[in-house]
């Protein structure tokens, strides 16, 4: 195959291919998502952290991941876990989560935060 025929073939393929669309990534802030939680010791070396994520926006959220850290009396992380929030967090609604941690027993408090999430696309 000659170089000219190869270039012609590539040109035809590019002409037939759908036009590439530019995508814009906009960082999303979790400032309108709120977390409330409760902790419970289960067995000798386990902690159950459960609660809900409330969505204060007009758009539903999906793929919400919650991170949990158990902190000792000096504020050092001694246990850590993460979990997906169940289902979609509806607009102006809430969904639950549950995280089970292996615990050394030295946790004095827990820090729970939204690690990541995505607003549901409206199909632009």
PDB file of N, CA and C in Angstrom:
ATOM      1  N   UNK A   1       0.848  -1.170   0.000  1.00  0.00           N
ATOM      2  CA  UNK A   1       0.000   0.000   0.000  1.00  0.00           C
ATOM      3  C   UNK A   1       0.896   1.236   0.000  1.00  0.00           C
ATOM      4  N   UNK A   2       0.585   2.167  -0.881  1.00  0.00           N
ATOM      5  CA  UNK A   2       1.396   3.365  -0.976  1.00  0.00           C
ATOM      6  C   UNK A   2       1.042   4.337   0.144  1.00  0.00           C
ATOM      7  N   UNK A   3       1.964   5.218   0.388  1.00  0.00           N
ATOM      8  CA  UNK A   3       1.786   6.238   1.415  1.00  0.00           C
ATOM      9  C   UNK A   3       0.578   7.110   1.101  1.00  0.00           C
ATOM     10  N   UNK A   4       0.399   7.432  -0.172  1.00  0.00           N
ATOM     11  CA  UNK A   4      -0.727   8.278  -0.593  1.00  0.00           C
ATOM     12  C   UNK A   4      -2.065   7.570  -0.358  1.00  0.00           C
ATOM     13  N   UNK A   5      -2.130   6.272  -0.649  1.00  0.00           N
ATOM     14  CA  UNK A   5      -3.361   5.513  -0.430  1.00  0.00           C
ATOM     15  C   UNK A   5      -3.670   5.414   1.063  1.00  0.00           C
ATOM     16  N   UNK A   6      -2.633   5.258   1.871  1.00  0.00           N
ATOM     17  CA  UNK A   6      -2.817   5.203   3.317  1.00  0.00           C
ATOM     18  C   UNK A   6      -3.377   6.519   3.849  1.00  0.00           C
ATOM     19  N   UNK A   7      -2.836   7.629   3.399  1.00  0.00           N
ATOM     20  CA  UNK A   7      -3.338   8.934   3.832  1.00  0.00           C
ATOM     21  C   UNK A   7      -4.781   9.148   3.395  1.00  0.00           C
ATOM     22  N   UNK A   8      -5.119   8.696   2.197  1.00  0.00           N
ATOM     23  CA  UNK A   8      -6.491   8.818   1.698  1.00  0.00           C
ATOM     24  C   UNK A   8      -7.436   7.995   2.562  1.00  0.00           C
ATOM     25  N   UNK A   9      -7.019   6.776   2.927  1.00  0.00           N
ATOM     26  CA  UNK A   9      -7.840   5.916   3.780  1.00  0.00           C
ATOM     27  C   UNK A   9      -8.065   6.528   5.155  1.00  0.00           C
ATOM     28  N   UNK A  10      -7.015   7.090   5.728  1.00  0.00           N
ATOM     29  CA  UNK A  10      -7.143   7.745   7.042  1.00  0.00           C
ATOM     30  C   UNK A  10      -8.061   8.956   6.926  1.00  0.00           C
ATOM     31  N   UNK A  11      -7.939   9.709   5.860  1.00  0.00           N
ATOM     32  CA  UNK A  11      -8.801  10.875   5.657  1.00  0.00           C
ATOM     33  C   UNK A  11     -10.265  10.490   5.561  1.00  0.00           C
ATOM     34  N   UNK A  12     -10.552   9.403   4.875  1.00  0.00           N
ATOM     35  CA  UNK A  12     -11.939   8.926   4.744  1.00  0.00           C
ATOM     36  C   UNK A  12     -12.466   8.497   6.109  1.00  0.00           C
ATOM     37  N   UNK A  13     -11.653   7.764   6.869  1.00  0.00           N
ATOM     38  CA  UNK A  13     -12.081   7.332   8.210  1.00  0.00           C
ATOM     39  C   UNK A  13     -12.370   8.524   9.115  1.00  0.00           C
ATOM     40  N   UNK A  14     -11.506   9.531   9.051  1.00  0.00           N
ATOM     41  CA  UNK A  14     -11.729  10.719   9.880  1.00  0.00           C
ATOM     42  C   UNK A  14     -12.988  11.466   9.461  1.00  0.00           C
ATOM     43  N   UNK A  15     -13.271  11.481   8.174  1.00  0.00           N
ATOM     44  CA  UNK A  15     -14.461  12.171   7.686  1.00  0.00           C
ATOM     45  C   UNK A  15     -15.731  11.440   8.115  1.00  0.00           C
ATOM     46  N   UNK A  16     -15.669  10.111   8.192  1.00  0.00           N
ATOM     47  CA  UNK A  16     -16.836   9.321   8.568  1.00  0.00           C
ATOM     48  C   UNK A  16     -17.035   9.236  10.083  1.00  0.00           C
ATOM     49  N   UNK A  17     -15.981   9.452  10.842  1.00  0.00           N
ATOM     50  CA  UNK A  17     -16.072   9.353  12.305  1.00  0.00           C
ATOM     51  C   UNK A  17     -16.893  10.523  12.843  1.00  0.00           C
ATOM     52  N   UNK A  18     -17.656  10.281  13.907  1.00  0.00           N
ATOM     53  CA  UNK A  18     -18.408  11.398  14.489  1.00  0.00           C
ATOM     54  C   UNK A  18     -17.451  12.450  15.035  1.00  0.00           C
ATOM     55  N   UNK A  19     -17.894  13.655  14.979  1.00  0.00           N
ATOM     56  CA  UNK A  19     -17.057  14.762  15.440  1.00  0.00           C
ATOM     57  C   UNK A  19     -16.788  14.616  16.929  1.00  0.00           C
ATOM     58  N   UNK A  20     -15.559  14.845  17.307  1.00  0.00           N
ATOM     59  CA  UNK A  20     -15.198  14.781  18.728  1.00  0.00           C
ATOM     60  C   UNK A  20     -15.782  16.001  19.435  1.00  0.00           C
ATOM     61  N   UNK A  21     -16.397  15.740  20.565  1.00  0.00           N
ATOM     62  CA  UNK A  21     -16.966  16.846  21.334  1.00  0.00           C
ATOM     63  C   UNK A  21     -16.050  17.166  22.504  1.00  0.00           C
ATOM     64  N   UNK A  22     -15.854  18.418  22.733  1.00  0.00           N
ATOM     65  CA  UNK A  22     -15.050  18.833  23.875  1.00  0.00           C
ATOM     66  C   UNK A  22     -15.872  18.643  25.143  1.00  0.00           C
ATOM     67  N   UNK A  23     -15.217  18.181  26.185  1.00  0.00           N
ATOM     68  CA  UNK A  23     -15.883  18.027  27.465  1.00  0.00           C
ATOM     69  C   UNK A  23     -15.258  18.989  28.443  1.00  0.00           C
ATOM     70  N   UNK A  24     -16.106  19.615  29.218  1.00  0.00           N
ATOM     71  CA  UNK A  24     -15.634  20.548  30.225  1.00  0.00           C
ATOM     72  C   UNK A  24     -15.818  19.901  31.589  1.00  0.00           C
ATOM     73  N   UNK A  25     -14.765  19.868  32.370  1.00  0.00           N
ATOM     74  CA  UNK A  25     -14.843  19.321  33.719  1.00  0.00           C
ATOM     75  C   UNK A  25     -14.960  20.484  34.692  1.00  0.00           C
ATOM     76  N   UNK A  26     -15.992  20.443  35.490  1.00  0.00           N
ATOM     77  CA  UNK A  26     -16.189  21.463  36.505  1.00  0.00           C
ATOM     78  C   UNK A  26     -16.113  20.799  37.872  1.00  0.00           C
ATOM     79  N   UNK A  27     -15.145  21.159  38.694  1.00  0.00           N
ATOM     80  CA  UNK A  27     -15.074  20.566  40.026  1.00  0.00           C
ATOM     81  C   UNK A  27     -16.376  20.810  40.784  1.00  0.00           C
ATOM     82  N   UNK A  28     -16.806  19.799  41.533  1.00  0.00           N
ATOM     83  CA  UNK A  28     -18.060  19.903  42.271  1.00  0.00           C
ATOM     84  C   UNK A  28     -17.756  20.037  43.755  1.00  0.00           C
ATOM     85  N   UNK A  29     -18.480  20.889  44.403  1.00  0.00           N
ATOM     86  CA  UNK A  29     -18.294  21.111  45.824  1.00  0.00           C
ATOM     87  C   UNK A  29     -19.329  20.322  46.606  1.00  0.00           C
ATOM     88  N   UNK A  30     -18.894  19.696  47.688  1.00  0.00           N
ATOM     89  CA  UNK A  30     -19.799  18.939  48.558  1.00  0.00           C
ATOM     90  C   UNK A  30     -20.419  19.827  49.628  1.00  0.00           C
ATOM     91  N   UNK A  31     -20.330  21.150  49.457  1.00  0.00           N
ATOM     92  CA  UNK A  31     -20.801  22.063  50.494  1.00  0.00           C
ATOM     93  C   UNK A  31     -22.299  21.963  50.757  1.00  0.00           C
ATOM     94  N   UNK A  32     -23.081  21.489  49.807  1.00  0.00           N
ATOM     95  CA  UNK A  32     -24.527  21.362  50.009  1.00  0.00           C
ATOM     96  C   UNK A  32     -24.923  19.937  50.383  1.00  0.00           C
ATOM     97  N   UNK A  33     -23.936  19.084  50.633  1.00  0.00           N
ATOM     98  CA  UNK A  33     -24.195  17.736  51.118  1.00  0.00           C
ATOM     99  C   UNK A  33     -23.808  17.692  52.595  1.00  0.00           C
ATOM    100  N   UNK A  34     -24.705  17.206  53.433  1.00  0.00           N
ATOM    101  CA  UNK A  34     -24.449  17.155  54.874  1.00  0.00           C
ATOM    102  C   UNK A  34     -24.499  15.715  55.358  1.00  0.00           C
ATOM    103  N   UNK A  35     -23.635  15.380  56.301  1.00  0.00           N
ATOM    104  CA  UNK A  35     -23.555  14.025  56.849  1.00  0.00           C
ATOM    105  C   UNK A  35     -23.940  14.047  58.315  1.00  0.00           C
ATOM    106  N   UNK A  36     -24.785  13.107  58.716  1.00  0.00           N
ATOM    107  CA  UNK A  36     -25.040  12.871  60.138  1.00  0.00           C
ATOM    108  C   UNK A  36     -24.799  11.386  60.376  1.00  0.00           C
ATOM    109  N   UNK A  37     -24.278  11.033  61.564  1.00  0.00           N
ATOM    110  CA  UNK A  37     -23.914   9.643  61.804  1.00  0.00           C
ATOM    111  C   UNK A  37     -23.978   9.292  63.281  1.00  0.00           C
ATOM    112  N   UNK A  38     -24.007   7.995  63.520  1.00  0.00           N
ATOM    113  CA  UNK A  38     -23.996   7.424  64.857  1.00  0.00           C
ATOM    114  C   UNK A  38     -22.968   6.302  64.855  1.00  0.00           C
ATOM    115  N   UNK A  39     -22.304   6.081  65.988  1.00  0.00           N
ATOM    116  CA  UNK A  39     -21.354   4.977  66.088  1.00  0.00           C
ATOM    117  C   UNK A  39     -21.839   3.982  67.137  1.00  0.00           C
ATOM    118  N   UNK A  40     -21.434   2.733  66.918  1.00  0.00           N
ATOM    119  CA  UNK A  40     -21.831   1.675  67.840  1.00  0.00           C
ATOM    120  C   UNK A  40     -20.735   0.616  67.848  1.00  0.00           C
ATOM    121  N   UNK A  41     -20.268   0.232  69.022  1.00  0.00           N
ATOM    122  CA  UNK A  41     -19.278  -0.844  69.130  1.00  0.00           C
ATOM    123  C   UNK A  41     -20.000  -2.173  69.001  1.00  0.00           C
ATOM    124  N   UNK A  42     -19.490  -3.027  68.131  1.00  0.00           N
ATOM    125  CA  UNK A  42     -20.080  -4.352  67.943  1.00  0.00           C
ATOM    126  C   UNK A  42     -18.960  -5.380  68.100  1.00  0.00           C
ATOM    127  N   UNK A  43     -19.056  -6.198  69.101  1.00  0.00           N
ATOM    128  CA  UNK A  43     -18.002  -7.167  69.356  1.00  0.00           C
ATOM    129  C   UNK A  43     -16.775  -6.489  69.938  1.00  0.00           C
ATOM    130  N   UNK A  44     -15.715  -7.253  70.051  1.00  0.00           N
ATOM    131  CA  UNK A  44     -14.498  -6.742  70.675  1.00  0.00           C
ATOM    132  C   UNK A  44     -13.719  -5.761  69.839  1.00  0.00           C
ATOM    133  N   UNK A  45     -13.642  -5.982  68.549  1.00  0.00           N
ATOM    134  CA  UNK A  45     -12.770  -5.151  67.736  1.00  0.00           C
ATOM    135  C   UNK A  45     -13.429  -4.534  66.529  1.00  0.00           C
ATOM    136  N   UNK A  46     -14.713  -4.239  66.615  1.00  0.00           N
ATOM    137  CA  UNK A  46     -15.428  -3.662  65.469  1.00  0.00           C
ATOM    138  C   UNK A  46     -16.224  -2.440  65.909  1.00  0.00           C
ATOM    139  N   UNK A  47     -16.332  -1.488  64.990  1.00  0.00           N
ATOM    140  CA  UNK A  47     -17.178  -0.313  65.184  1.00  0.00           C
ATOM    141  C   UNK A  47     -18.066  -0.190  63.954  1.00  0.00           C
ATOM    142  N   UNK A  48     -19.336   0.043  64.193  1.00  0.00           N
ATOM    143  CA  UNK A  48     -20.301   0.277  63.124  1.00  0.00           C
ATOM    144  C   UNK A  48     -20.607   1.773  63.114  1.00  0.00           C
ATOM    145  N   UNK A  49     -20.381   2.400  61.970  1.00  0.00           N
ATOM    146  CA  UNK A  49     -20.702   3.815  61.789  1.00  0.00           C
ATOM    147  C   UNK A  49     -21.805   3.855  60.743  1.00  0.00           C
ATOM    148  N   UNK A  50     -22.955   4.398  61.118  1.00  0.00           N
ATOM    149  CA  UNK A  50     -24.068   4.467  60.171  1.00  0.00           C
ATOM    150  C   UNK A  50     -24.728   5.833  60.261  1.00  0.00           C
ATOM    151  N   UNK A  51     -25.347   6.228  59.169  1.00  0.00           N
ATOM    152  CA  UNK A  51     -25.979   7.542  59.140  1.00  0.00           C
ATOM    153  C   UNK A  51     -26.582   7.817  57.783  1.00  0.00           C
ATOM    154  N   UNK A  52     -26.700   9.115  57.490  1.00  0.00           N
ATOM    155  CA  UNK A  52     -27.250   9.478  56.187  1.00  0.00           C
ATOM    156  C   UNK A  52     -26.567  10.713  55.634  1.00  0.00           C
ATOM    157  N   UNK A  53     -26.687  10.846  54.318  1.00  0.00           N
ATOM    158  CA  UNK A  53     -26.184  12.015  53.591  1.00  0.00           C
ATOM    159  C   UNK A  53     -27.402  12.763  53.095  1.00  0.00           C
ATOM    160  N   UNK A  54     -27.508  14.041  53.455  1.00  0.00           N
ATOM    161  CA  UNK A  54     -28.611  14.892  53.017  1.00  0.00           C
ATOM    162  C   UNK A  54     -28.125  15.790  51.887  1.00  0.00           C
ATOM    163  N   UNK A  55     -28.939  15.871  50.844  1.00  0.00           N
ATOM    164  CA  UNK A  55     -28.615  16.644  49.648  1.00  0.00           C
ATOM    165  C   UNK A  55     -29.443  17.926  49.661  1.00  0.00           C
ATOM    166  N   UNK A  56     -28.790  19.066  49.766  1.00  0.00           N
ATOM    167  CA  UNK A  56     -29.479  20.351  49.784  1.00  0.00           C
ATOM    168  C   UNK A  56     -29.546  21.034  48.434  1.00  0.00           C
ATOM    169  N   UNK A  57     -29.261  20.297  47.371  1.00  0.00           N
ATOM    170  CA  UNK A  57     -29.270  20.899  46.035  1.00  0.00           C
ATOM    171  C   UNK A  57     -30.529  20.497  45.269  1.00  0.00           C
ATOM    172  N   UNK A  58     -30.681  21.075  44.094  1.00  0.00           N
ATOM    173  CA  UNK A  58     -31.811  20.750  43.224  1.00  0.00           C
ATOM    174  C   UNK A  58     -31.505  19.597  42.274  1.00  0.00           C
ATOM    175  N   UNK A  59     -30.315  19.003  42.396  1.00  0.00           N
ATOM    176  CA  UNK A  59     -29.929  17.892  41.511  1.00  0.00           C
ATOM    177  C   UNK A  59     -29.619  16.655  42.348  1.00  0.00           C
ATOM    178  N   UNK A  60     -30.095  15.499  41.921  1.00  0.00           N
ATOM    179  CA  UNK A  60     -29.748  14.268  42.644  1.00  0.00           C
ATOM    180  C   UNK A  60     -28.259  13.954  42.497  1.00  0.00           C
ATOM    181  N   UNK A  61     -27.705  13.230  43.476  1.00  0.00           N
ATOM    182  CA  UNK A  61     -26.299  12.824  43.454  1.00  0.00           C
ATOM    183  C   UNK A  61     -26.208  11.307  43.416  1.00  0.00           C
ATOM    184  N   UNK A  62     -25.166  10.817  42.787  1.00  0.00           N
ATOM    185  CA  UNK A  62     -24.924   9.385  42.738  1.00  0.00           C
ATOM    186  C   UNK A  62     -23.449   9.131  43.007  1.00  0.00           C
ATOM    187  N   UNK A  63     -23.113   7.854  43.166  1.00  0.00           N
ATOM    188  CA  UNK A  63     -21.729   7.446  43.405  1.00  0.00           C
ATOM    189  C   UNK A  63     -21.109   8.200  44.574  1.00  0.00           C
ATOM    190  N   UNK A  64     -21.883   8.386  45.613  1.00  0.00           N
ATOM    191  CA  UNK A  64     -21.401   9.102  46.791  1.00  0.00           C
ATOM    192  C   UNK A  64     -20.594   8.134  47.648  1.00  0.00           C
ATOM    193  N   UNK A  65     -19.372   8.515  47.974  1.00  0.00           N
ATOM    194  CA  UNK A  65     -18.515   7.716  48.844  1.00  0.00           C
ATOM    195  C   UNK A  65     -18.267   8.506  50.121  1.00  0.00           C
ATOM    196  N   UNK A  66     -18.465   7.833  51.244  1.00  0.00           N
ATOM    197  CA  UNK A  66     -18.254   8.430  52.564  1.00  0.00           C
ATOM    198  C   UNK A  66     -16.991   7.810  53.157  1.00  0.00           C
ATOM    199  N   UNK A  67     -16.114   8.646  53.711  1.00  0.00           N
ATOM    200  CA  UNK A  67     -14.925   8.132  54.399  1.00  0.00           C
ATOM    201  C   UNK A  67     -15.085   8.366  55.895  1.00  0.00           C
ATOM    202  N   UNK A  68     -14.594   7.412  56.675  1.00  0.00           N
ATOM    203  CA  UNK A  68     -14.690   7.474  58.133  1.00  0.00           C
ATOM    204  C   UNK A  68     -13.294   7.260  58.711  1.00  0.00           C
ATOM    205  N   UNK A  69     -12.933   8.109  59.672  1.00  0.00           N
ATOM    206  CA  UNK A  69     -11.662   7.949  60.375  1.00  0.00           C
ATOM    207  C   UNK A  69     -11.933   7.955  61.868  1.00  0.00           C
ATOM    208  N   UNK A  70     -11.365   6.983  62.564  1.00  0.00           N
ATOM    209  CA  UNK A  70     -11.417   6.945  64.016  1.00  0.00           C
ATOM    210  C   UNK A  70     -10.182   7.634  64.553  1.00  0.00           C
ATOM    211  N   UNK A  71     -10.373   8.598  65.455  1.00  0.00           N
ATOM    212  CA  UNK A  71      -9.265   9.394  65.980  1.00  0.00           C
ATOM    213  C   UNK A  71      -9.041   9.084  67.457  1.00  0.00           C
ATOM    214  N   UNK A  72      -7.776   9.000  67.863  1.00  0.00           N
ATOM    215  CA  UNK A  72      -7.474   8.768  69.272  1.00  0.00           C
ATOM    216  C   UNK A  72      -7.506  10.090  70.040  1.00  0.00           C
ATOM    217  N   UNK A  73      -7.128  10.059  71.292  1.00  0.00           N
ATOM    218  CA  UNK A  73      -7.210  11.264  72.138  1.00  0.00           C
ATOM    219  C   UNK A  73      -6.303  12.393  71.678  1.00  0.00           C
ATOM    220  N   UNK A  74      -5.260  12.072  70.885  1.00  0.00           N
ATOM    221  CA  UNK A  74      -4.353  13.096  70.355  1.00  0.00           C
ATOM    222  C   UNK A  74      -4.723  13.540  68.944  1.00  0.00           C
ATOM    223  N   UNK A  75      -5.847  13.021  68.423  1.00  0.00           N
ATOM    224  CA  UNK A  75      -6.286  13.397  67.086  1.00  0.00           C
ATOM    225  C   UNK A  75      -5.638  12.614  65.965  1.00  0.00           C
ATOM    226  N   UNK A  76      -4.887  11.560  66.290  1.00  0.00           N
ATOM    227  CA  UNK A  76      -4.255  10.720  65.261  1.00  0.00           C
ATOM    228  C   UNK A  76      -5.259   9.690  64.750  1.00  0.00           C
ATOM    229  N   UNK A  77      -5.168   9.401  63.453  1.00  0.00           N
ATOM    230  CA  UNK A  77      -6.052   8.406  62.841  1.00  0.00           C
ATOM    231  C   UNK A  77      -5.589   7.017  63.279  1.00  0.00           C
ATOM    232  N   UNK A  78      -6.507   6.247  63.903  1.00  0.00           N
ATOM    233  CA  UNK A  78      -6.182   4.888  64.346  1.00  0.00           C
ATOM    234  C   UNK A  78      -7.011   3.827  63.629  1.00  0.00           C
ATOM    235  N   UNK A  79      -8.067   4.248  62.941  1.00  0.00           N
ATOM    236  CA  UNK A  79      -8.852   3.325  62.118  1.00  0.00           C
ATOM    237  C   UNK A  79      -9.439   4.115  60.960  1.00  0.00           C
ATOM    238  N   UNK A  80      -9.718   3.395  59.876  1.00  0.00           N
ATOM    239  CA  UNK A  80     -10.170   4.087  58.664  1.00  0.00           C
ATOM    240  C   UNK A  80     -11.040   3.145  57.845  1.00  0.00           C
ATOM    241  N   UNK A  81     -12.068   3.707  57.206  1.00  0.00           N
ATOM    242  CA  UNK A  81     -12.920   2.917  56.328  1.00  0.00           C
ATOM    243  C   UNK A  81     -13.665   3.824  55.365  1.00  0.00           C
ATOM    244  N   UNK A  82     -14.326   3.204  54.405  1.00  0.00           N
ATOM    245  CA  UNK A  82     -15.108   3.976  53.437  1.00  0.00           C
ATOM    246  C   UNK A  82     -16.200   3.087  52.883  1.00  0.00           C
ATOM    247  N   UNK A  83     -17.241   3.734  52.367  1.00  0.00           N
ATOM    248  CA  UNK A  83     -18.370   2.977  51.817  1.00  0.00           C
ATOM    249  C   UNK A  83     -19.148   3.858  50.852  1.00  0.00           C
ATOM    250  N   UNK A  84     -19.860   3.184  49.941  1.00  0.00           N
ATOM    251  CA  UNK A  84     -20.789   3.882  49.059  1.00  0.00           C
ATOM    252  C   UNK A  84     -22.082   4.156  49.820  1.00  0.00           C
ATOM    253  N   UNK A  85     -22.680   5.292  49.546  1.00  0.00           N
ATOM    254  CA  UNK A  85     -24.019   5.592  50.056  1.00  0.00           C
ATOM    255  C   UNK A  85     -24.993   4.774  49.221  1.00  0.00           C
ATOM    256  N   UNK A  86     -26.014   4.221  49.855  1.00  0.00           N
ATOM    257  CA  UNK A  86     -26.970   3.366  49.155  1.00  0.00           C
ATOM    258  C   UNK A  86     -27.768   4.167  48.124  1.00  0.00           C
ATOM    259  N   UNK A  87     -27.704   3.756  46.863  1.00  0.00           N
ATOM    260  CA  UNK A  87     -28.514   4.349  45.801  1.00  0.00           C
ATOM    261  C   UNK A  87     -28.168   5.794  45.474  1.00  0.00           C
ATOM    262  N   UNK A  88     -29.160   6.471  44.934  1.00  0.00           N
ATOM    263  CA  UNK A  88     -29.034   7.877  44.556  1.00  0.00           C
ATOM    264  C   UNK A  88     -29.539   8.733  45.709  1.00  0.00           C
ATOM    265  N   UNK A  89     -28.815   9.815  45.993  1.00  0.00           N
ATOM    266  CA  UNK A  89     -29.284  10.765  47.005  1.00  0.00           C
ATOM    267  C   UNK A  89     -30.171  11.758  46.269  1.00  0.00           C
ATOM    268  N   UNK A  90     -31.491  11.702  46.510  1.00  0.00           N
ATOM    269  CA  UNK A  90     -32.397  12.549  45.738  1.00  0.00           C
ATOM    270  C   UNK A  90     -32.227  14.038  46.060  1.00  0.00           C
ATOM    271  N   UNK A  91     -32.666  14.857  45.144  1.00  0.00           N
ATOM    272  CA  UNK A  91     -32.685  16.302  45.355  1.00  0.00           C
ATOM    273  C   UNK A  91     -33.498  16.609  46.604  1.00  0.00           C
ATOM    274  N   UNK A  92     -32.920  17.403  47.492  1.00  0.00           N
ATOM    275  CA  UNK A  92     -33.583  17.790  48.755  1.00  0.00           C
ATOM    276  C   UNK A  92     -33.976  16.583  49.602  1.00  0.00           C
ATOM    277  N   UNK A  93     -33.258  15.470  49.444  1.00  0.00           N
ATOM    278  CA  UNK A  93     -33.565  14.255  50.187  1.00  0.00           C
ATOM    279  C   UNK A  93     -32.313  13.676  50.821  1.00  0.00           C
ATOM    280  N   UNK A  94     -32.395  12.430  51.262  1.00  0.00           N
ATOM    281  CA  UNK A  94     -31.252  11.786  51.904  1.00  0.00           C
ATOM    282  C   UNK A  94     -31.204  10.298  51.569  1.00  0.00           C
ATOM    283  N   UNK A  95     -30.028   9.716  51.757  1.00  0.00           N
ATOM    284  CA  UNK A  95     -29.801   8.279  51.611  1.00  0.00           C
ATOM    285  C   UNK A  95     -28.858   7.829  52.716  1.00  0.00           C
ATOM    286  N   UNK A  96     -28.930   6.536  53.053  1.00  0.00           N
ATOM    287  CA  UNK A  96     -28.177   6.021  54.186  1.00  0.00           C
ATOM    288  C   UNK A  96     -26.853   5.385  53.770  1.00  0.00           C
ATOM    289  N   UNK A  97     -25.975   5.225  54.763  1.00  0.00           N
ATOM    290  CA  UNK A  97     -24.710   4.520  54.572  1.00  0.00           C
ATOM    291  C   UNK A  97     -24.386   3.749  55.846  1.00  0.00           C
ATOM    292  N   UNK A  98     -23.470   2.805  55.691  1.00  0.00           N
ATOM    293  CA  UNK A  98     -23.000   2.002  56.818  1.00  0.00           C
ATOM    294  C   UNK A  98     -21.555   1.618  56.561  1.00  0.00           C
ATOM    295  N   UNK A  99     -20.699   1.861  57.549  1.00  0.00           N
ATOM    296  CA  UNK A  99     -19.281   1.523  57.449  1.00  0.00           C
ATOM    297  C   UNK A  99     -18.915   0.694  58.674  1.00  0.00           C
ATOM    298  N   UNK A 100     -18.263  -0.440  58.441  1.00  0.00           N
ATOM    299  CA  UNK A 100     -17.775  -1.290  59.534  1.00  0.00           C
ATOM    300  C   UNK A 100     -16.256  -1.154  59.583  1.00  0.00           C
ATOM    301  N   UNK A 101     -15.756  -0.795  60.759  1.00  0.00           N
ATOM    302  CA  UNK A 101     -14.324  -0.596  60.936  1.00  0.00           C
ATOM    303  C   UNK A 101     -13.745  -1.656  61.862  1.00  0.00           C
ATOM    304  N   UNK A 102     -12.533  -2.103  61.562  1.00  0.00           N
ATOM    305  CA  UNK A 102     -11.767  -2.861  62.545  1.00  0.00           C
ATOM    306  C   UNK A 102     -11.226  -1.822  63.517  1.00  0.00           C
ATOM    307  N   UNK A 103     -11.392  -2.073  64.791  1.00  0.00           N
ATOM    308  CA  UNK A 103     -11.077  -1.048  65.773  1.00  0.00           C
ATOM    309  C   UNK A 103     -10.044  -1.528  66.779  1.00  0.00           C
ATOM    310  N   UNK A 104      -9.027  -0.690  67.027  1.00  0.00           N
ATOM    311  CA  UNK A 104      -8.091  -1.026  68.099  1.00  0.00           C
ATOM    312  C   UNK A 104      -8.692  -0.712  69.478  1.00  0.00           C
ATOM    313  N   UNK A 105      -9.821  -0.012  69.493  1.00  0.00           N
ATOM    314  CA  UNK A 105     -10.471   0.343  70.757  1.00  0.00           C
ATOM    315  C   UNK A 105     -10.019   1.662  71.344  1.00  0.00           C
ATOM    316  N   UNK A 106      -9.106   2.359  70.671  1.00  0.00           N
ATOM    317  CA  UNK A 106      -8.586   3.614  71.231  1.00  0.00           C
ATOM    318  C   UNK A 106      -9.236   4.857  70.624  1.00  0.00           C
ATOM    319  N   UNK A 107     -10.269   4.675  69.811  1.00  0.00           N
ATOM    320  CA  UNK A 107     -10.936   5.828  69.203  1.00  0.00           C
ATOM    321  C   UNK A 107     -11.679   6.612  70.276  1.00  0.00           C
ATOM    322  N   UNK A 108     -11.540   7.918  70.226  1.00  0.00           N
ATOM    323  CA  UNK A 108     -12.277   8.803  71.130  1.00  0.00           C
ATOM    324  C   UNK A 108     -13.360   9.570  70.387  1.00  0.00           C
ATOM    325  N   UNK A 109     -13.133   9.745  69.081  1.00  0.00           N
ATOM    326  CA  UNK A 109     -14.127  10.410  68.237  1.00  0.00           C
ATOM    327  C   UNK A 109     -13.925   9.946  66.803  1.00  0.00           C
ATOM    328  N   UNK A 110     -14.898  10.277  65.956  1.00  0.00           N
ATOM    329  CA  UNK A 110     -14.852   9.864  64.556  1.00  0.00           C
ATOM    330  C   UNK A 110     -15.054  11.069  63.655  1.00  0.00           C
ATOM    331  N   UNK A 111     -14.372  11.017  62.525  1.00  0.00           N
ATOM    332  CA  UNK A 111     -14.517  12.051  61.507  1.00  0.00           C
ATOM    333  C   UNK A 111     -15.124  11.385  60.280  1.00  0.00           C
ATOM    334  N   UNK A 112     -16.282  11.903  59.812  1.00  0.00           N
ATOM    335  CA  UNK A 112     -16.974  11.349  58.650  1.00  0.00           C
ATOM    336  C   UNK A 112     -17.099  12.465  57.618  1.00  0.00           C
ATOM    337  N   UNK A 113     -16.738  12.155  56.380  1.00  0.00           N
ATOM    338  CA  UNK A 113     -16.754  13.181  55.323  1.00  0.00           C
ATOM    339  C   UNK A 113     -17.160  12.564  53.991  1.00  0.00           C
ATOM    340  N   UNK A 114     -17.658  13.418  53.104  1.00  0.00           N
ATOM    341  CA  UNK A 114     -17.933  13.019  51.726  1.00  0.00           C
ATOM    342  C   UNK A 114     -16.595  12.970  51.009  1.00  0.00           C
ATOM    343  N   UNK A 115     -16.234  11.801  50.515  1.00  0.00           N
ATOM    344  CA  UNK A 115     -14.971  11.658  49.801  1.00  0.00           C
ATOM    345  C   UNK A 115     -15.134  12.027  48.329  1.00  0.00           C
ATOM    346  N   UNK A 116     -16.212  11.549  47.716  1.00  0.00           N
ATOM    347  CA  UNK A 116     -16.474  11.878  46.318  1.00  0.00           C
ATOM    348  C   UNK A 116     -17.945  11.672  46.013  1.00  0.00           C
ATOM    349  N   UNK A 117     -18.403  12.293  44.925  1.00  0.00           N
ATOM    350  CA  UNK A 117     -19.782  12.174  44.494  1.00  0.00           C
ATOM    351  C   UNK A 117     -19.894  12.711  43.079  1.00  0.00           C
ATOM    352  N   UNK A 118     -21.067  12.508  42.490  1.00  0.00           N
ATOM    353  CA  UNK A 118     -21.305  13.016  41.136  1.00  0.00           C
ATOM    354  C   UNK A 118     -22.770  13.405  41.039  1.00  0.00           C
ATOM    355  N   UNK A 119     -23.031  14.589  40.519  1.00  0.00           N
ATOM    356  CA  UNK A 119     -24.416  14.966  40.258  1.00  0.00           C
ATOM    357  C   UNK A 119     -24.923  14.145  39.091  1.00  0.00           C
ATOM    358  N   UNK A 120     -26.174  13.720  39.148  1.00  0.00           N
ATOM    359  CA  UNK A 120     -26.766  12.940  38.078  1.00  0.00           C
ATOM    360  C   UNK A 120     -26.922  13.837  36.859  1.00  0.00           C
ATOM    361  N   UNK A 121     -26.470  13.347  35.720  1.00  0.00           N
ATOM    362  CA  UNK A 121     -26.539  14.111  34.486  1.00  0.00           C
ATOM    363  C   UNK A 121     -27.980  14.265  34.041  1.00  0.00           C
ATOM    364  N   UNK A 122     -28.304  15.447  33.526  1.00  0.00           N
ATOM    365  CA  UNK A 122     -29.664  15.703  33.046  1.00  0.00           C
ATOM    366  C   UNK A 122     -29.799  15.358  31.572  1.00  0.00           C
ATOM    367  N   UNK A 123     -28.757  14.826  30.952  1.00  0.00           N
ATOM    368  CA  UNK A 123     -28.822  14.404  29.554  1.00  0.00           C
ATOM    369  C   UNK A 123     -28.787  15.541  28.564  1.00  0.00           C
ATOM    370  N   UNK A 124     -27.890  16.487  28.751  1.00  0.00           N
ATOM    371  CA  UNK A 124     -27.777  17.636  27.858  1.00  0.00           C
ATOM    372  C   UNK A 124     -27.660  17.209  26.450  1.00  0.00           C
TER     373      UNK A 124
END
